[in-house]
PDB file of N, CA and C in Angstrom:
ATOM      1  N   MET A   1     238.567 -68.270-263.717  1.00  0.00           N
ATOM      2  CA  MET A   1     237.627 -67.929-262.688  1.00  0.00           C
ATOM      3  C   MET A   1     236.784 -69.168-262.376  1.00  0.00           C
ATOM      4  N   HIS A   2     236.484 -69.327-261.140  1.00  0.00           N
ATOM      5  CA  HIS A   2     235.695 -70.469-260.682  1.00  0.00           C
ATOM      6  C   HIS A   2     234.276 -70.419-261.245  1.00  0.00           C
ATOM      7  N   LYS A   3     233.710 -71.570-261.542  1.00  0.00           N
ATOM      8  CA  LYS A   3     232.391 -71.667-262.165  1.00  0.00           C
ATOM      9  C   LYS A   3     231.315 -70.980-261.317  1.00  0.00           C
ATOM     10  N   TYR A   4     231.370 -71.139-260.003  1.00  0.00           N
ATOM     11  CA  TYR A   4     230.392 -70.520-259.114  1.00  0.00           C
ATOM     12  C   TYR A   4     230.471 -68.996-259.194  1.00  0.00           C
ATOM     13  N   ALA A   5     231.672 -68.474-259.242  1.00  0.00           N
ATOM     14  CA  ALA A   5     231.854 -67.019-259.347  1.00  0.00           C
ATOM     15  C   ALA A   5     231.290 -66.506-260.669  1.00  0.00           C
ATOM     16  N   ARG A   6     231.491 -67.245-261.723  1.00  0.00           N
ATOM     17  CA  ARG A   6     230.932 -66.861-263.030  1.00  0.00           C
ATOM     18  C   ARG A   6     229.411 -66.845-262.981  1.00  0.00           C
ATOM     19  N   GLN A   7     228.835 -67.868-262.372  1.00  0.00           N
ATOM     20  CA  GLN A   7     227.378 -67.924-262.271  1.00  0.00           C
ATOM     21  C   GLN A   7     226.833 -66.725-261.497  1.00  0.00           C
ATOM     22  N   LEU A   8     227.510 -66.355-260.427  1.00  0.00           N
ATOM     23  CA  LEU A   8     227.092 -65.181-259.656  1.00  0.00           C
ATOM     24  C   LEU A   8     227.162 -63.915-260.504  1.00  0.00           C
ATOM     25  N   LEU A   9     228.250 -63.756-261.236  1.00  0.00           N
ATOM     26  CA  LEU A   9     228.400 -62.575-262.081  1.00  0.00           C
ATOM     27  C   LEU A   9     227.381 -62.567-263.213  1.00  0.00           C
ATOM     28  N   GLU A  10     227.071 -63.733-263.748  1.00  0.00           N
ATOM     29  CA  GLU A  10     226.055 -63.801-264.801  1.00  0.00           C
ATOM     30  C   GLU A  10     224.686 -63.414-264.257  1.00  0.00           C
ATOM     31  N   ARG A  11     224.356 -63.886-263.053  1.00  0.00           N
ATOM     32  CA  ARG A  11     223.077 -63.495-262.442  1.00  0.00           C
ATOM     33  C   ARG A  11     223.033 -62.002-262.191  1.00  0.00           C
ATOM     34  N   LYS A  12     224.126 -61.460-261.739  1.00  0.00           N
ATOM     35  CA  LYS A  12     224.209 -60.013-261.493  1.00  0.00           C
ATOM     36  C   LYS A  12     224.037 -59.259-262.815  1.00  0.00           C
ATOM     37  N   ALA A  13     224.647 -59.758-263.880  1.00  0.00           N
ATOM     38  CA  ALA A  13     224.515 -59.130-265.196  1.00  0.00           C
ATOM     39  C   ALA A  13     223.068 -59.190-265.669  1.00  0.00           C
ATOM     40  N   GLU A  14     222.385 -60.301-265.421  1.00  0.00           N
ATOM     41  CA  GLU A  14     220.977 -60.415-265.791  1.00  0.00           C
ATOM     42  C   GLU A  14     220.130 -59.399-265.027  1.00  0.00           C
ATOM     43  N   GLU A  15     220.438 -59.216-263.739  1.00  0.00           N
ATOM     44  CA  GLU A  15     219.731 -58.219-262.935  1.00  0.00           C
ATOM     45  C   GLU A  15     219.978 -56.815-263.479  1.00  0.00           C
ATOM     46  N   ARG A  16     221.213 -56.541-263.856  1.00  0.00           N
ATOM     47  CA  ARG A  16     221.544 -55.232-264.413  1.00  0.00           C
ATOM     48  C   ARG A  16     220.787 -54.989-265.711  1.00  0.00           C
ATOM     49  N   LEU A  17     220.662 -56.022-266.548  1.00  0.00           N
ATOM     50  CA  LEU A  17     219.919 -55.886-267.801  1.00  0.00           C
ATOM     51  C   LEU A  17     218.442 -55.623-267.520  1.00  0.00           C
ATOM     52  N   ARG A  18     217.861 -56.347-266.561  1.00  0.00           N
ATOM     53  CA  ARG A  18     216.453 -56.102-266.203  1.00  0.00           C
ATOM     54  C   ARG A  18     216.261 -54.667-265.728  1.00  0.00           C
ATOM     55  N   HIS A  19     217.182 -54.196-264.906  1.00  0.00           N
ATOM     56  CA  HIS A  19     217.116 -52.819-264.411  1.00  0.00           C
ATOM     57  C   HIS A  19     217.213 -51.828-265.564  1.00  0.00           C
ATOM     58  N   LEU A  20     218.100 -52.096-266.477  1.00  0.00           N
ATOM     59  CA  LEU A  20     218.290 -51.229-267.636  1.00  0.00           C
ATOM     60  C   LEU A  20     217.032 -51.182-268.499  1.00  0.00           C
ATOM     61  N   LYS A  21     216.420 -52.337-268.719  1.00  0.00           N
ATOM     62  CA  LYS A  21     215.178 -52.377-269.491  1.00  0.00           C
ATOM     63  C   LYS A  21     214.086 -51.564-268.798  1.00  0.00           C
ATOM     64  N   GLN A  22     214.041 -51.652-267.483  1.00  0.00           N
ATOM     65  CA  GLN A  22     213.050 -50.886-266.728  1.00  0.00           C
ATOM     66  C   GLN A  22     213.316 -49.379-266.856  1.00  0.00           C
ATOM     67  N   GLU A  23     214.574 -48.984-266.780  1.00  0.00           N
ATOM     68  CA  GLU A  23     214.936 -47.569-266.919  1.00  0.00           C
ATOM     69  C   GLU A  23     214.535 -47.028-268.292  1.00  0.00           C
ATOM     70  N   VAL A  24     214.813 -47.790-269.335  1.00  0.00           N
ATOM     71  CA  VAL A  24     214.444 -47.371-270.692  1.00  0.00           C
ATOM     72  C   VAL A  24     212.921 -47.315-270.813  1.00  0.00           C
ATOM     73  N   GLY A  25     212.239 -48.288-270.230  1.00  0.00           N
ATOM     74  CA  GLY A  25     210.778 -48.283-270.240  1.00  0.00           C
ATOM     75  C   GLY A  25     210.207 -47.077-269.504  1.00  0.00           C
ATOM     76  N   ASP A  26     210.812 -46.720-268.377  1.00  0.00           N
ATOM     77  CA  ASP A  26     210.379 -45.533-267.625  1.00  0.00           C
ATOM     78  C   ASP A  26     210.580 -44.267-268.452  1.00  0.00           C
ATOM     79  N   PHE A  27     211.713 -44.195-269.151  1.00  0.00           N
ATOM     80  CA  PHE A  27     211.983 -43.042-270.011  1.00  0.00           C
ATOM     81  C   PHE A  27     210.919 -42.947-271.096  1.00  0.00           C
ATOM     82  N   LYS A  28     210.586 -44.089-271.683  1.00  0.00           N
ATOM     83  CA  LYS A  28     209.573 -44.113-272.740  1.00  0.00           C
ATOM     84  C   LYS A  28     208.211 -43.685-272.190  1.00  0.00           C
ATOM     85  N   SER A  29     207.865 -44.143-271.002  1.00  0.00           N
ATOM     86  CA  SER A  29     206.587 -43.758-270.385  1.00  0.00           C
ATOM     87  C   SER A  29     206.525 -42.261-270.123  1.00  0.00           C
ATOM     88  N   ARG A  30     207.610 -41.699-269.617  1.00  0.00           N
ATOM     89  CA  ARG A  30     207.636 -40.248-269.375  1.00  0.00           C
ATOM     90  C   ARG A  30     207.520 -39.486-270.682  1.00  0.00           C
ATOM     91  N   PHE A  31     208.154 -39.998-271.725  1.00  0.00           N
ATOM     92  CA  PHE A  31     208.082 -39.364-273.042  1.00  0.00           C
ATOM     93  C   PHE A  31     206.647 -39.339-273.559  1.00  0.00           C
ATOM     94  N   VAL A  32     205.971 -40.473-273.456  1.00  0.00           N
ATOM     95  CA  VAL A  32     204.603 -40.580-273.965  1.00  0.00           C
ATOM     96  C   VAL A  32     203.675 -39.627-273.212  1.00  0.00           C
ATOM     97  N   GLN A  33     203.939 -39.406-271.952  1.00  0.00           N
ATOM     98  CA  GLN A  33     203.079 -38.570-271.129  1.00  0.00           C
ATOM     99  C   GLN A  33     203.433 -37.085-271.200  1.00  0.00           C
ATOM    100  N   THR A  34     204.467 -36.728-271.920  1.00  0.00           N
ATOM    101  CA  THR A  34     204.910 -35.341-271.990  1.00  0.00           C
ATOM    102  C   THR A  34     204.283 -34.659-273.203  1.00  0.00           C
ATOM    103  N   PRO A  35     203.382 -33.708-272.968  1.00  0.00           N
ATOM    104  CA  PRO A  35     202.716 -33.034-274.091  1.00  0.00           C
ATOM    105  C   PRO A  35     203.549 -31.880-274.644  1.00  0.00           C
ATOM    106  N   GLY A  36     203.330 -31.583-275.925  1.00  0.00           N
ATOM    107  CA  GLY A  36     203.876 -30.378-276.536  1.00  0.00           C
ATOM    108  C   GLY A  36     205.375 -30.305-276.710  1.00  0.00           C
ATOM    109  N   ARG A  37     206.050 -31.399-276.694  1.00  0.00           N
ATOM    110  CA  ARG A  37     207.509 -31.383-276.887  1.00  0.00           C
ATOM    111  C   ARG A  37     207.833 -31.747-278.329  1.00  0.00           C
ATOM    112  N   PRO A  38     208.998 -31.344-278.816  1.00  0.00           N
ATOM    113  CA  PRO A  38     209.399 -31.762-280.180  1.00  0.00           C
ATOM    114  C   PRO A  38     209.682 -33.268-280.204  1.00  0.00           C
ATOM    115  N   ARG A  39     208.736 -34.021-280.662  1.00  0.00           N
ATOM    116  CA  ARG A  39     208.761 -35.483-280.581  1.00  0.00           C
ATOM    117  C   ARG A  39     209.925 -36.131-281.329  1.00  0.00           C
ATOM    118  N   TYR A  40     210.342 -35.569-282.438  1.00  0.00           N
ATOM    119  CA  TYR A  40     211.381 -36.241-283.230  1.00  0.00           C
ATOM    120  C   TYR A  40     212.663 -36.446-282.436  1.00  0.00           C
ATOM    121  N   LYS A  41     213.019 -35.486-281.570  1.00  0.00           N
ATOM    122  CA  LYS A  41     214.239 -35.647-280.766  1.00  0.00           C
ATOM    123  C   LYS A  41     214.094 -36.819-279.804  1.00  0.00           C
ATOM    124  N   TYR A  42     212.917 -36.948-279.224  1.00  0.00           N
ATOM    125  CA  TYR A  42     212.689 -38.036-278.286  1.00  0.00           C
ATOM    126  C   TYR A  42     212.629 -39.378-278.995  1.00  0.00           C
ATOM    127  N   TYR A  43     212.007 -39.403-280.164  1.00  0.00           N
ATOM    128  CA  TYR A  43     211.973 -40.645-280.931  1.00  0.00           C
ATOM    129  C   TYR A  43     213.386 -41.089-281.288  1.00  0.00           C
ATOM    130  N   GLU A  44     214.224 -40.135-281.664  1.00  0.00           N
ATOM    131  CA  GLU A  44     215.621 -40.448-281.970  1.00  0.00           C
ATOM    132  C   GLU A  44     216.307 -41.045-280.750  1.00  0.00           C
ATOM    133  N   THR A  45     216.113 -40.408-279.605  1.00  0.00           N
ATOM    134  CA  THR A  45     216.726 -40.879-278.371  1.00  0.00           C
ATOM    135  C   THR A  45     216.228 -42.266-278.011  1.00  0.00           C
ATOM    136  N   LEU A  46     214.918 -42.472-278.111  1.00  0.00           N
ATOM    137  CA  LEU A  46     214.355 -43.790-277.805  1.00  0.00           C
ATOM    138  C   LEU A  46     214.857 -44.858-278.774  1.00  0.00           C
ATOM    139  N   ARG A  47     214.963 -44.495-280.034  1.00  0.00           N
ATOM    140  CA  ARG A  47     215.479 -45.441-281.033  1.00  0.00           C
ATOM    141  C   ARG A  47     216.913 -45.834-280.692  1.00  0.00           C
ATOM    142  N   ASP A  48     217.729 -44.834-280.362  1.00  0.00           N
ATOM    143  CA  ASP A  48     219.124 -45.108-280.011  1.00  0.00           C
ATOM    144  C   ASP A  48     219.236 -45.952-278.746  1.00  0.00           C
ATOM    145  N   LEU A  49     218.416 -45.617-277.738  1.00  0.00           N
ATOM    146  CA  LEU A  49     218.436 -46.393-276.501  1.00  0.00           C
ATOM    147  C   LEU A  49     218.016 -47.834-276.751  1.00  0.00           C
ATOM    148  N   SER A  50     217.005 -48.016-277.571  1.00  0.00           N
ATOM    149  CA  SER A  50     216.545 -49.372-277.886  1.00  0.00           C
ATOM    150  C   SER A  50     217.631 -50.170-278.602  1.00  0.00           C
ATOM    151  N   ALA A  51     218.321 -49.532-279.531  1.00  0.00           N
ATOM    152  CA  ALA A  51     219.406 -50.208-280.255  1.00  0.00           C
ATOM    153  C   ALA A  51     220.547 -50.573-279.303  1.00  0.00           C
ATOM    154  N   GLU A  52     220.898 -49.657-278.415  1.00  0.00           N
ATOM    155  CA  GLU A  52     221.975 -49.936-277.460  1.00  0.00           C
ATOM    156  C   GLU A  52     221.564 -51.007-276.465  1.00  0.00           C
ATOM    157  N   LEU A  53     220.295 -51.004-276.085  1.00  0.00           N
ATOM    158  CA  LEU A  53     219.786 -52.036-275.187  1.00  0.00           C
ATOM    159  C   LEU A  53     219.869 -53.412-275.846  1.00  0.00           C
ATOM    160  N   ALA A  54     219.605 -53.467-277.130  1.00  0.00           N
ATOM    161  CA  ALA A  54     219.720 -54.734-277.868  1.00  0.00           C
ATOM    162  C   ALA A  54     221.167 -55.234-277.861  1.00  0.00           C
ATOM    163  N   VAL A  55     222.122 -54.322-277.937  1.00  0.00           N
ATOM    164  CA  VAL A  55     223.540 -54.709-277.886  1.00  0.00           C
ATOM    165  C   VAL A  55     223.871 -55.296-276.517  1.00  0.00           C
ATOM    166  N   VAL A  56     223.380 -54.650-275.457  1.00  0.00           N
ATOM    167  CA  VAL A  56     223.635 -55.157-274.105  1.00  0.00           C
ATOM    168  C   VAL A  56     223.043 -56.561-273.958  1.00  0.00           C
ATOM    169  N   SER A  57     221.836 -56.738-274.448  1.00  0.00           N
ATOM    170  CA  SER A  57     221.182 -58.039-274.374  1.00  0.00           C
ATOM    171  C   SER A  57     221.973 -59.100-275.153  1.00  0.00           C
ATOM    172  N   LYS A  58     222.465 -58.727-276.317  1.00  0.00           N
ATOM    173  CA  LYS A  58     223.269 -59.652-277.125  1.00  0.00           C
ATOM    174  C   LYS A  58     224.559 -60.023-276.392  1.00  0.00           C
ATOM    175  N   ARG A  59     225.184 -59.042-275.761  1.00  0.00           N
ATOM    176  CA  ARG A  59     226.427 -59.317-275.027  1.00  0.00           C
ATOM    177  C   ARG A  59     226.173 -60.274-273.864  1.00  0.00           C
ATOM    178  N   LEU A  60     225.030 -60.112-273.198  1.00  0.00           N
ATOM    179  CA  LEU A  60     224.702 -61.031-272.111  1.00  0.00           C
ATOM    180  C   LEU A  60     224.475 -62.434-272.658  1.00  0.00           C
ATOM    181  N   ASP A  61     223.813 -62.541-273.776  1.00  0.00           N
ATOM    182  CA  ASP A  61     223.580 -63.843-274.392  1.00  0.00           C
ATOM    183  C   ASP A  61     224.914 -64.509-274.745  1.00  0.00           C
ATOM    184  N   GLU A  62     225.828 -63.748-275.329  1.00  0.00           N
ATOM    185  CA  GLU A  62     227.153 -64.275-275.659  1.00  0.00           C
ATOM    186  C   GLU A  62     227.895 -64.700-274.395  1.00  0.00           C
ATOM    187  N   LEU A  63     227.737 -63.913-273.345  1.00  0.00           N
ATOM    188  CA  LEU A  63     228.407 -64.208-272.084  1.00  0.00           C
ATOM    189  C   LEU A  63     227.939 -65.541-271.513  1.00  0.00           C
ATOM    190  N   THR A  64     226.640 -65.751-271.498  1.00  0.00           N
ATOM    191  CA  THR A  64     226.116 -66.978-270.899  1.00  0.00           C
ATOM    192  C   THR A  64     226.453 -68.220-271.718  1.00  0.00           C
ATOM    193  N   LYS A  65     226.755 -68.047-272.993  1.00  0.00           N
ATOM    194  CA  LYS A  65     227.105 -69.187-273.849  1.00  0.00           C
ATOM    195  C   LYS A  65     228.612 -69.446-273.894  1.00  0.00           C
ATOM    196  N   SER A  66     229.400 -68.562-273.348  1.00  0.00           N
ATOM    197  CA  SER A  66     230.859 -68.693-273.455  1.00  0.00           C
ATOM    198  C   SER A  66     231.432 -69.433-272.245  1.00  0.00           C
ATOM    199  N   ASP A  67     232.696 -69.797-272.364  1.00  0.00           N
ATOM    200  CA  ASP A  67     233.413 -70.409-271.255  1.00  0.00           C
ATOM    201  C   ASP A  67     234.903 -70.135-271.413  1.00  0.00           C
ATOM    202  N   GLY A  68     235.643 -70.541-270.436  1.00  0.00           N
ATOM    203  CA  GLY A  68     237.089 -70.378-270.489  1.00  0.00           C
ATOM    204  C   GLY A  68     237.525 -68.928-270.587  1.00  0.00           C
ATOM    205  N   THR A  69     238.544 -68.697-271.375  1.00  0.00           N
ATOM    206  CA  THR A  69     239.096 -67.351-271.497  1.00  0.00           C
ATOM    207  C   THR A  69     238.159 -66.404-272.232  1.00  0.00           C
ATOM    208  N   GLU A  70     237.276 -66.962-273.078  1.00  0.00           N
ATOM    209  CA  GLU A  70     236.288 -66.128-273.775  1.00  0.00           C
ATOM    210  C   GLU A  70     235.381 -65.402-272.788  1.00  0.00           C
ATOM    211  N   TRP A  71     235.058 -66.065-271.700  1.00  0.00           N
ATOM    212  CA  TRP A  71     234.085 -65.547-270.754  1.00  0.00           C
ATOM    213  C   TRP A  71     234.507 -64.177-270.243  1.00  0.00           C
ATOM    214  N   ASP A  72     235.767 -64.045-269.856  1.00  0.00           N
ATOM    215  CA  ASP A  72     236.250 -62.764-269.332  1.00  0.00           C
ATOM    216  C   ASP A  72     236.091 -61.654-270.363  1.00  0.00           C
ATOM    217  N   SER A  73     236.389 -61.968-271.596  1.00  0.00           N
ATOM    218  CA  SER A  73     236.264 -60.990-272.671  1.00  0.00           C
ATOM    219  C   SER A  73     234.804 -60.586-272.867  1.00  0.00           C
ATOM    220  N   TYR A  74     233.902 -61.566-272.878  1.00  0.00           N
ATOM    221  CA  TYR A  74     232.484 -61.262-273.062  1.00  0.00           C
ATOM    222  C   TYR A  74     231.916 -60.488-271.868  1.00  0.00           C
ATOM    223  N   TYR A  75     232.387 -60.806-270.676  1.00  0.00           N
ATOM    224  CA  TYR A  75     231.920 -60.051-269.509  1.00  0.00           C
ATOM    225  C   TYR A  75     232.350 -58.593-269.630  1.00  0.00           C
ATOM    226  N   SER A  76     233.559 -58.370-270.057  1.00  0.00           N
ATOM    227  CA  SER A  76     234.057 -57.015-270.251  1.00  0.00           C
ATOM    228  C   SER A  76     233.242 -56.276-271.310  1.00  0.00           C
ATOM    229  N   MET A  77     232.912 -56.957-272.412  1.00  0.00           N
ATOM    230  CA  MET A  77     232.112 -56.328-273.464  1.00  0.00           C
ATOM    231  C   MET A  77     230.702 -56.011-272.962  1.00  0.00           C
ATOM    232  N   PHE A  78     230.123 -56.913-272.172  1.00  0.00           N
ATOM    233  CA  PHE A  78     228.808 -56.654-271.584  1.00  0.00           C
ATOM    234  C   PHE A  78     228.876 -55.422-270.691  1.00  0.00           C
ATOM    235  N   ASP A  79     229.883 -55.388-269.838  1.00  0.00           N
ATOM    236  CA  ASP A  79     230.043 -54.290-268.898  1.00  0.00           C
ATOM    237  C   ASP A  79     230.176 -52.943-269.620  1.00  0.00           C
ATOM    238  N   GLU A  80     230.963 -52.908-270.670  1.00  0.00           N
ATOM    239  CA  GLU A  80     231.138 -51.673-271.448  1.00  0.00           C
ATOM    240  C   GLU A  80     229.835 -51.245-272.116  1.00  0.00           C
ATOM    241  N   ALA A  81     229.117 -52.187-272.706  1.00  0.00           N
ATOM    242  CA  ALA A  81     227.844 -51.868-273.371  1.00  0.00           C
ATOM    243  C   ALA A  81     226.830 -51.360-272.357  1.00  0.00           C
ATOM    244  N   TYR A  82     226.778 -51.987-271.198  1.00  0.00           N
ATOM    245  CA  TYR A  82     225.870 -51.558-270.128  1.00  0.00           C
ATOM    246  C   TYR A  82     226.198 -50.131-269.694  1.00  0.00           C
ATOM    247  N   ASP A  83     227.469 -49.868-269.459  1.00  0.00           N
ATOM    248  CA  ASP A  83     227.886 -48.526-269.030  1.00  0.00           C
ATOM    249  C   ASP A  83     227.538 -47.460-270.065  1.00  0.00           C
ATOM    250  N   GLU A  84     227.672 -47.792-271.339  1.00  0.00           N
ATOM    251  CA  GLU A  84     227.340 -46.830-272.399  1.00  0.00           C
ATOM    252  C   GLU A  84     225.863 -46.451-272.364  1.00  0.00           C
ATOM    253  N   VAL A  85     224.996 -47.443-272.168  1.00  0.00           N
ATOM    254  CA  VAL A  85     223.563 -47.146-272.118  1.00  0.00           C
ATOM    255  C   VAL A  85     223.239 -46.350-270.859  1.00  0.00           C
ATOM    256  N   MET A  86     223.855 -46.686-269.746  1.00  0.00           N
ATOM    257  CA  MET A  86     223.601 -45.939-268.516  1.00  0.00           C
ATOM    258  C   MET A  86     224.063 -44.484-268.655  1.00  0.00           C
ATOM    259  N   GLU A  87     225.182 -44.265-269.331  1.00  0.00           N
ATOM    260  CA  GLU A  87     225.655 -42.898-269.566  1.00  0.00           C
ATOM    261  C   GLU A  87     224.671 -42.134-270.452  1.00  0.00           C
ATOM    262  N   ARG A  88     224.173 -42.780-271.500  1.00  0.00           N
ATOM    263  CA  ARG A  88     223.195 -42.132-272.378  1.00  0.00           C
ATOM    264  C   ARG A  88     221.927 -41.789-271.599  1.00  0.00           C
ATOM    265  N   LEU A  89     221.475 -42.701-270.760  1.00  0.00           N
ATOM    266  CA  LEU A  89     220.291 -42.427-269.940  1.00  0.00           C
ATOM    267  C   LEU A  89     220.536 -41.236-269.021  1.00  0.00           C
ATOM    268  N   ALA A  90     221.706 -41.174-268.433  1.00  0.00           N
ATOM    269  CA  ALA A  90     222.029 -40.056-267.551  1.00  0.00           C
ATOM    270  C   ALA A  90     222.016 -38.734-268.324  1.00  0.00           C
ATOM    271  N   ARG A  91     222.534 -38.757-269.554  1.00  0.00           N
ATOM    272  CA  ARG A  91     222.548 -37.537-270.376  1.00  0.00           C
ATOM    273  C   ARG A  91     221.153 -37.133-270.836  1.00  0.00           C
ATOM    274  N   THR A  92     220.257 -38.102-270.993  1.00  0.00           N
ATOM    275  CA  THR A  92     218.931 -37.795-271.534  1.00  0.00           C
ATOM    276  C   THR A  92     217.885 -37.555-270.452  1.00  0.00           C
ATOM    277  N   ARG A  93     218.216 -37.743-269.208  1.00  0.00           N
ATOM    278  CA  ARG A  93     217.242 -37.527-268.130  1.00  0.00           C
ATOM    279  C   ARG A  93     216.708 -36.090-268.130  1.00  0.00           C
ATOM    280  N   PHE A  94     217.555 -35.154-268.514  1.00  0.00           N
ATOM    281  CA  PHE A  94     217.122 -33.763-268.505  1.00  0.00           C
ATOM    282  C   PHE A  94     216.086 -33.478-269.605  1.00  0.00           C
ATOM    283  N   LEU A  95     215.997 -34.323-270.623  1.00  0.00           N
ATOM    284  CA  LEU A  95     215.046 -34.092-271.702  1.00  0.00           C
ATOM    285  C   LEU A  95     213.605 -34.123-271.200  1.00  0.00           C
ATOM    286  N   ILE A  96     213.352 -35.105-270.349  1.00  0.00           N
ATOM    287  CA  ILE A  96     211.998 -35.253-269.803  1.00  0.00           C
ATOM    288  C   ILE A  96     212.133 -35.328-268.289  1.00  0.00           C
ATOM    289  N   ALA A  97     211.806 -34.273-267.633  1.00  0.00           N
ATOM    290  CA  ALA A  97     211.940 -34.230-266.176  1.00  0.00           C
ATOM    291  C   ALA A  97     210.612 -34.503-265.515  1.00  0.00           C
TER     292      ALA A  97
END
């Protein structure tokens, strides 16, 4: 893949990570503002989301440091990790409406 195309995809991945961090932060804010709910379930969910977010961040870091054939593999791993967190967020949206 051409270097310029990689740079564009890396910037897009960085934007996706920022968006993901904002989504997790919004979930946390809604959780904090929700009174009378069983907190342990939400803490578990937030802990899991934070751990998965760290994986996405690590994959992006690996992606930006890689080159050649490694790059495609790291981009794929980033994409999969991102999708997993987005799926978890979609499943947990009903917890705090």
